[in-house]
């Protein structure tokens, strides 16, 4: 399963409202780029943080890799949007695998370590 995030101000250093959702593949995620995932996918909405650095931090916490290593590895994949339209990101594969494998204790521990 692909994990996606949708935001309008990604990579511009601007905090924005982020809608996290899980889609079966990139094509399904792209289909909700303009109107958002509600009605198509269950989602969680959060605001006031940069999704790019947040995904890097989560991956670092869950995989025990340094932020420097993660920044040079490429980060999330943009599967739709940009140039003023909402952006749909696919979480990096290592982060998606770590989230899928994480139990409640690991997620609680990761949440305590992450400071938005």
C-alpha atoms as a PDB file:
ATOM      1  CA  UNK A   1       0.000   0.000   0.000  1.00  0.00           C
ATOM      2  CA  UNK A   2       1.184   3.478  -0.739  1.00  0.00           C
ATOM      3  CA  UNK A   3       1.003   6.107   1.988  1.00  0.00           C
ATOM      4  CA  UNK A   4       0.291   9.573   0.713  1.00  0.00           C
ATOM      5  CA  UNK A   5       0.101  13.127   1.975  1.00  0.00           C
ATOM      6  CA  UNK A   6      -1.581  16.016   0.209  1.00  0.00           C
ATOM      7  CA  UNK A   7      -0.646  19.656   0.703  1.00  0.00           C
ATOM      8  CA  UNK A   8      -0.824  22.915  -1.205  1.00  0.00           C
ATOM      9  CA  UNK A   9       2.385  24.595  -0.024  1.00  0.00           C
ATOM     10  CA  UNK A  10       4.826  21.681   0.027  1.00  0.00           C
ATOM     11  CA  UNK A  11       8.532  22.417  -0.386  1.00  0.00           C
ATOM     12  CA  UNK A  12       8.029  26.135  -0.144  1.00  0.00           C
ATOM     13  CA  UNK A  13       8.970  26.174   3.538  1.00  0.00           C
ATOM     14  CA  UNK A  14       5.398  27.053   4.447  1.00  0.00           C
ATOM     15  CA  UNK A  15       3.394  25.212   7.027  1.00  0.00           C
ATOM     16  CA  UNK A  16       0.079  24.075   5.661  1.00  0.00           C
ATOM     17  CA  UNK A  17      -2.895  21.843   6.249  1.00  0.00           C
ATOM     18  CA  UNK A  18      -1.932  18.250   5.491  1.00  0.00           C
ATOM     19  CA  UNK A  19      -4.343  15.410   4.763  1.00  0.00           C
ATOM     20  CA  UNK A  20      -2.758  12.004   5.304  1.00  0.00           C
ATOM     21  CA  UNK A  21      -4.419   9.023   3.665  1.00  0.00           C
ATOM     22  CA  UNK A  22      -3.628   5.519   2.476  1.00  0.00           C
ATOM     23  CA  UNK A  23      -4.296   4.616  -1.151  1.00  0.00           C
ATOM     24  CA  UNK A  24      -3.770   1.243  -2.811  1.00  0.00           C
ATOM     25  CA  UNK A  25      -1.465   2.755  -5.442  1.00  0.00           C
ATOM     26  CA  UNK A  26      -0.216   6.029  -6.880  1.00  0.00           C
ATOM     27  CA  UNK A  27      -2.941   6.181  -9.550  1.00  0.00           C
ATOM     28  CA  UNK A  28      -5.655   6.037  -6.882  1.00  0.00           C
ATOM     29  CA  UNK A  29      -3.868   8.753  -4.891  1.00  0.00           C
ATOM     30  CA  UNK A  30      -3.549  10.972  -7.957  1.00  0.00           C
ATOM     31  CA  UNK A  31      -7.307  10.710  -8.543  1.00  0.00           C
ATOM     32  CA  UNK A  32      -7.989  12.727  -5.368  1.00  0.00           C
ATOM     33  CA  UNK A  33      -5.269  15.362  -5.821  1.00  0.00           C
ATOM     34  CA  UNK A  34      -7.591  18.258  -6.603  1.00  0.00           C
ATOM     35  CA  UNK A  35     -10.624  17.579  -4.397  1.00  0.00           C
ATOM     36  CA  UNK A  36      -8.947  15.736  -1.522  1.00  0.00           C
ATOM     37  CA  UNK A  37      -9.384  12.244  -0.161  1.00  0.00           C
ATOM     38  CA  UNK A  38     -12.652  12.689   1.756  1.00  0.00           C
ATOM     39  CA  UNK A  39     -15.303  10.434   0.302  1.00  0.00           C
ATOM     40  CA  UNK A  40     -12.665   8.217  -1.310  1.00  0.00           C
ATOM     41  CA  UNK A  41     -10.206   7.410   1.472  1.00  0.00           C
ATOM     42  CA  UNK A  42     -10.189   7.682   5.230  1.00  0.00           C
ATOM     43  CA  UNK A  43      -7.903  10.553   6.122  1.00  0.00           C
ATOM     44  CA  UNK A  44      -6.365  12.412   9.028  1.00  0.00           C
ATOM     45  CA  UNK A  45      -5.928  16.185   8.757  1.00  0.00           C
ATOM     46  CA  UNK A  46      -3.210  18.127  10.557  1.00  0.00           C
ATOM     47  CA  UNK A  47      -1.727  21.560  10.205  1.00  0.00           C
ATOM     48  CA  UNK A  48       1.109  23.901  10.948  1.00  0.00           C
ATOM     49  CA  UNK A  49       4.099  21.807   9.992  1.00  0.00           C
ATOM     50  CA  UNK A  50       6.218  21.112   6.919  1.00  0.00           C
ATOM     51  CA  UNK A  51       5.289  17.688   5.565  1.00  0.00           C
ATOM     52  CA  UNK A  52       8.656  17.172   3.831  1.00  0.00           C
ATOM     53  CA  UNK A  53      10.760  17.528   6.969  1.00  0.00           C
ATOM     54  CA  UNK A  54       8.131  15.698   9.018  1.00  0.00           C
ATOM     55  CA  UNK A  55       8.298  12.630   6.778  1.00  0.00           C
ATOM     56  CA  UNK A  56      12.102  12.731   7.020  1.00  0.00           C
ATOM     57  CA  UNK A  57      11.908  12.949  10.820  1.00  0.00           C
ATOM     58  CA  UNK A  58       9.417  10.074  11.054  1.00  0.00           C
ATOM     59  CA  UNK A  59      11.569   7.915   8.792  1.00  0.00           C
ATOM     60  CA  UNK A  60      14.662   8.730  10.855  1.00  0.00           C
ATOM     61  CA  UNK A  61      12.910   7.820  14.095  1.00  0.00           C
ATOM     62  CA  UNK A  62      11.370   4.600  12.781  1.00  0.00           C
ATOM     63  CA  UNK A  63      14.430   3.372  10.853  1.00  0.00           C
ATOM     64  CA  UNK A  64      17.204   4.750  13.096  1.00  0.00           C
ATOM     65  CA  UNK A  65      18.768   6.567  10.137  1.00  0.00           C
ATOM     66  CA  UNK A  66      20.231  10.065  10.374  1.00  0.00           C
ATOM     67  CA  UNK A  67      18.388  13.046   8.919  1.00  0.00           C
ATOM     68  CA  UNK A  68      21.453  13.783   6.777  1.00  0.00           C
ATOM     69  CA  UNK A  69      21.280  10.298   5.248  1.00  0.00           C
ATOM     70  CA  UNK A  70      17.559  10.647   4.609  1.00  0.00           C
ATOM     71  CA  UNK A  71      17.875  14.090   3.006  1.00  0.00           C
ATOM     72  CA  UNK A  72      20.420  12.741   0.514  1.00  0.00           C
ATOM     73  CA  UNK A  73      18.354   9.609  -0.199  1.00  0.00           C
ATOM     74  CA  UNK A  74      15.616  11.519  -2.003  1.00  0.00           C
ATOM     75  CA  UNK A  75      12.647  11.639   0.371  1.00  0.00           C
ATOM     76  CA  UNK A  76       9.002  11.419  -0.612  1.00  0.00           C
ATOM     77  CA  UNK A  77       7.978  10.972  -4.229  1.00  0.00           C
ATOM     78  CA  UNK A  78       5.696  13.630  -5.730  1.00  0.00           C
ATOM     79  CA  UNK A  79       2.988  11.670  -7.555  1.00  0.00           C
ATOM     80  CA  UNK A  80       0.738  14.619  -8.462  1.00  0.00           C
ATOM     81  CA  UNK A  81       0.445  18.368  -8.296  1.00  0.00           C
ATOM     82  CA  UNK A  82       2.719  21.305  -7.913  1.00  0.00           C
ATOM     83  CA  UNK A  83       2.848  24.748  -9.539  1.00  0.00           C
ATOM     84  CA  UNK A  84       0.149  26.089  -7.243  1.00  0.00           C
ATOM     85  CA  UNK A  85      -2.039  22.989  -7.170  1.00  0.00           C
ATOM     86  CA  UNK A  86      -2.266  20.529  -4.275  1.00  0.00           C
ATOM     87  CA  UNK A  87       0.628  18.084  -4.062  1.00  0.00           C
ATOM     88  CA  UNK A  88       0.250  14.357  -3.440  1.00  0.00           C
ATOM     89  CA  UNK A  89       3.310  12.666  -1.962  1.00  0.00           C
ATOM     90  CA  UNK A  90       4.076   8.982  -1.619  1.00  0.00           C
ATOM     91  CA  UNK A  91       5.961   8.247   1.568  1.00  0.00           C
ATOM     92  CA  UNK A  92       9.433   6.830   0.984  1.00  0.00           C
ATOM     93  CA  UNK A  93       9.334   3.009   0.773  1.00  0.00           C
ATOM     94  CA  UNK A  94      11.436   2.547   3.925  1.00  0.00           C
ATOM     95  CA  UNK A  95       9.042   4.735   5.923  1.00  0.00           C
ATOM     96  CA  UNK A  96       5.986   2.912   4.545  1.00  0.00           C
ATOM     97  CA  UNK A  97       7.537  -0.450   5.493  1.00  0.00           C
ATOM     98  CA  UNK A  98       8.491   0.804   8.967  1.00  0.00           C
ATOM     99  CA  UNK A  99       4.971   2.142   9.598  1.00  0.00           C
ATOM    100  CA  UNK A 100       3.388  -1.099   8.379  1.00  0.00           C
ATOM    101  CA  UNK A 101       5.638  -3.157  10.650  1.00  0.00           C
ATOM    102  CA  UNK A 102       5.341  -0.923  13.728  1.00  0.00           C
ATOM    103  CA  UNK A 103       3.324  -2.136  16.687  1.00  0.00           C
ATOM    104  CA  UNK A 104       1.514   0.125  19.169  1.00  0.00           C
ATOM    105  CA  UNK A 105       4.564   0.359  21.443  1.00  0.00           C
ATOM    106  CA  UNK A 106       6.846   1.412  18.558  1.00  0.00           C
ATOM    107  CA  UNK A 107       4.348   4.017  17.359  1.00  0.00           C
ATOM    108  CA  UNK A 108       3.930   5.418  20.880  1.00  0.00           C
ATOM    109  CA  UNK A 109       7.688   5.596  21.317  1.00  0.00           C
ATOM    110  CA  UNK A 110       8.104   7.304  17.947  1.00  0.00           C
ATOM    111  CA  UNK A 111       5.361   9.818  18.785  1.00  0.00           C
ATOM    112  CA  UNK A 112       7.119  10.705  22.032  1.00  0.00           C
ATOM    113  CA  UNK A 113      10.401  11.293  20.196  1.00  0.00           C
ATOM    114  CA  UNK A 114       8.888  13.431  17.453  1.00  0.00           C
ATOM    115  CA  UNK A 115       8.491  17.116  18.220  1.00  0.00           C
ATOM    116  CA  UNK A 116       6.494  19.011  15.561  1.00  0.00           C
END
